[in-house]
Amino acid sequence: MMLAAISFFTDYWLPAQHGEETELTVVIIILIMVSLSGMLRFWQEYYTNKGGRSIKIYGAYHRNGAPPPQL
């Protein structure tokens, strides 16, 4: 996000102050990439934790000899 802020400042804000042409393409691309990366990391962590809990539950039942619960 810091890179997007710096890019906004250098590619949009400063040129706009001097009356030059401005372009937000780079800023938008950086924001999209950071957002997609964050969402991907969230989903990976979520499913990893979900799988880990499932393995932990089934492992505890297997060690005790009881049948696992139906999920």
C-alpha atoms as a PDB file:
ATOM      1  CA  MET A   1       0.000   0.000   0.000  1.00  0.00           C
ATOM      2  CA  MET A   2       2.926   2.295   0.682  1.00  0.00           C
ATOM      3  CA  LEU A   3       4.197   1.747  -2.844  1.00  0.00           C
ATOM      4  CA  ALA A   4       0.781   2.745  -4.226  1.00  0.00           C
ATOM      5  CA  ALA A   5       0.824   5.908  -2.103  1.00  0.00           C
ATOM      6  CA  ILE A   6       4.307   6.841  -3.322  1.00  0.00           C
ATOM      7  CA  SER A   7       3.312   6.114  -6.910  1.00  0.00           C
ATOM      8  CA  PHE A   8       0.185   8.275  -6.517  1.00  0.00           C
ATOM      9  CA  PHE A   9       2.273  11.118  -5.165  1.00  0.00           C
ATOM     10  CA  THR A  10       4.973  10.937  -7.840  1.00  0.00           C
ATOM     11  CA  ASP A  11       2.841   9.990 -10.866  1.00  0.00           C
ATOM     12  CA  TYR A  12      -0.317  11.973 -10.155  1.00  0.00           C
ATOM     13  CA  TRP A  13      -0.042  14.595  -7.432  1.00  0.00           C
ATOM     14  CA  LEU A  14       3.263  16.250  -8.344  1.00  0.00           C
ATOM     15  CA  PRO A  15       2.564  16.462 -12.118  1.00  0.00           C
ATOM     16  CA  ALA A  16      -0.936  17.827 -11.409  1.00  0.00           C
ATOM     17  CA  GLN A  17       0.567  20.594  -9.268  1.00  0.00           C
ATOM     18  CA  HIS A  18       2.787  21.688 -12.161  1.00  0.00           C
ATOM     19  CA  GLY A  19       0.026  21.524 -14.768  1.00  0.00           C
ATOM     20  CA  GLU A  20       1.420  18.426 -16.480  1.00  0.00           C
ATOM     21  CA  GLU A  21      -0.536  15.422 -17.713  1.00  0.00           C
ATOM     22  CA  THR A  22      -1.380  12.899 -15.028  1.00  0.00           C
ATOM     23  CA  GLU A  23      -2.064   9.194 -15.191  1.00  0.00           C
ATOM     24  CA  LEU A  24      -3.427   6.852 -12.543  1.00  0.00           C
ATOM     25  CA  THR A  25      -2.816   3.615 -14.443  1.00  0.00           C
ATOM     26  CA  VAL A  26       0.234   2.573 -12.422  1.00  0.00           C
ATOM     27  CA  VAL A  27      -1.469   3.384  -9.117  1.00  0.00           C
ATOM     28  CA  ILE A  28      -4.559   1.357 -10.050  1.00  0.00           C
ATOM     29  CA  ILE A  29      -2.470  -1.619 -11.177  1.00  0.00           C
ATOM     30  CA  ILE A  30      -0.492  -1.594  -7.915  1.00  0.00           C
ATOM     31  CA  LEU A  31      -3.700  -1.389  -5.851  1.00  0.00           C
ATOM     32  CA  ILE A  32      -5.256  -4.285  -7.768  1.00  0.00           C
ATOM     33  CA  MET A  33      -2.143  -6.427  -7.355  1.00  0.00           C
ATOM     34  CA  VAL A  34      -1.907  -5.715  -3.622  1.00  0.00           C
ATOM     35  CA  SER A  35      -5.626  -6.400  -3.138  1.00  0.00           C
ATOM     36  CA  LEU A  36      -5.514  -9.698  -5.039  1.00  0.00           C
ATOM     37  CA  SER A  37      -2.415 -10.754  -3.119  1.00  0.00           C
ATOM     38  CA  GLY A  38      -4.105  -9.999   0.204  1.00  0.00           C
ATOM     39  CA  MET A  39      -7.266 -11.899  -0.732  1.00  0.00           C
ATOM     40  CA  LEU A  40      -5.250 -14.890  -1.955  1.00  0.00           C
ATOM     41  CA  ARG A  41      -3.240 -14.990   1.258  1.00  0.00           C
ATOM     42  CA  PHE A  42      -6.437 -14.776   3.334  1.00  0.00           C
ATOM     43  CA  TRP A  43      -8.073 -17.693   1.485  1.00  0.00           C
ATOM     44  CA  GLN A  44      -4.941 -19.810   1.706  1.00  0.00           C
ATOM     45  CA  GLU A  45      -4.673 -19.225   5.463  1.00  0.00           C
ATOM     46  CA  TYR A  46      -8.388 -19.877   5.940  1.00  0.00           C
ATOM     47  CA  TYR A  47      -8.359 -23.230   4.137  1.00  0.00           C
ATOM     48  CA  THR A  48      -5.082 -24.255   5.769  1.00  0.00           C
ATOM     49  CA  ASN A  49      -6.534 -23.601   9.227  1.00  0.00           C
ATOM     50  CA  LYS A  50      -9.788 -25.326   8.310  1.00  0.00           C
ATOM     51  CA  GLY A  51      -7.898 -28.420   7.117  1.00  0.00           C
ATOM     52  CA  GLY A  52      -5.693 -28.401  10.195  1.00  0.00           C
ATOM     53  CA  ARG A  53      -8.695 -28.354  12.521  1.00  0.00           C
ATOM     54  CA  SER A  54     -10.258 -31.242  10.606  1.00  0.00           C
ATOM     55  CA  ILE A  55      -7.073 -33.321  10.854  1.00  0.00           C
ATOM     56  CA  LYS A  56      -6.785 -32.527  14.555  1.00  0.00           C
ATOM     57  CA  ILE A  57     -10.385 -33.628  15.229  1.00  0.00           C
ATOM     58  CA  TYR A  58     -10.084 -36.867  13.248  1.00  0.00           C
ATOM     59  CA  GLY A  59      -6.670 -37.606  14.753  1.00  0.00           C
ATOM     60  CA  ALA A  60      -7.999 -37.300  18.308  1.00  0.00           C
ATOM     61  CA  TYR A  61     -10.825 -39.730  17.582  1.00  0.00           C
ATOM     62  CA  HIS A  62      -8.500 -42.173  15.848  1.00  0.00           C
ATOM     63  CA  ARG A  63      -6.098 -42.263  18.815  1.00  0.00           C
ATOM     64  CA  ASN A  64      -8.945 -42.940  21.254  1.00  0.00           C
ATOM     65  CA  GLY A  65     -10.463 -45.682  19.100  1.00  0.00           C
ATOM     66  CA  ALA A  66     -13.808 -43.919  18.778  1.00  0.00           C
ATOM     67  CA  PRO A  67     -15.422 -43.322  15.390  1.00  0.00           C
ATOM     68  CA  PRO A  68     -15.011 -39.750  14.077  1.00  0.00           C
ATOM     69  CA  PRO A  69     -18.006 -37.421  14.019  1.00  0.00           C
ATOM     70  CA  GLN A  70     -19.869 -36.848  10.780  1.00  0.00           C
ATOM     71  CA  LEU A  71     -19.080 -33.336   9.529  1.00  0.00           C
END
